Structure formats: C-alpha cells, structure tokens
Amino acid sequence: MLTVGRRPGRWCVVSGVALPEGVEAAATVVEEEGTTSVIELADAERLGAHPEFVGAWLTLEVHSSLDAVGLSAAVAGALARAGIACNLFAGFHHDHLLVPHHLADDAVAALRALAAAHRA
C-alpha cells in the first residue's frame, strides 16, 4: 500500500557549489556537467546560493523493486494532473519527490487519491 511521508524542512537543488564541512547533501547525483546536491534551504542561503526551486521532500513509503515498472509514471502523472511539478529520485528503499513547498499538502492529497483509486 502506498503511503506518503514528509521529511521536515525546505529543500533545494544546487549544482557547482562546494559543500563545506557542516553542510550535508541529503542526496547527490554526479553528472558530466557537475555534481548536483539536495540540501536544506537554510544551508543554501548560508552558502550564498539562490535556488530557483524550494521544495518539500516527500517519500513514498512503499518498498518497490528497483526494476518495478510504472510506479514513477503513475506518481508523476497524478501530480501532473493536479498541476504540481515534481522532481523524482529513487533510493534503494524508497522513491522520493521534491514538490513545490507551497503545494506540499496538495501533492500529498493527490498521492493519497492515487493510492485510494488503486485500492478500489
């Protein structure tokens, strides 16, 4: 069963920013163009970064296989139908989403509706 958790804080994505000691990346993606890090907004502001996107961090609390088909598409589709942007990334145990912070409650509602429709 799909449930949604919310990690406390306000999160942003930065790239090309050296993270000093005391600033921890909660997620990192290494690309050819540079390293992208998800950090708390307060840390970004202390570093002088001005992120364009401030998000709420939602976690899909369902264990899905890394080779599962369709979960990401269903989640992204439900949020798109609600007019909510999302940046989706997968960990080993869960899928995670960054959604616009001011739309976090709407995103949770859309995902709960998706779960309810799937159960029906």
Foldseek 3Di string as FASTA:
>chain_A
DWAKDWDDAKKAKDWPQDQDPPWDFPDWDQDPVTIIGIGGPVSCVVSVHDGPAIWIKMKTPDFDQPPDPDPVVLLCVLCVVVVWDWDWDDDNGTIMITTHHVCVVVSNVSVVVSVVVVVD
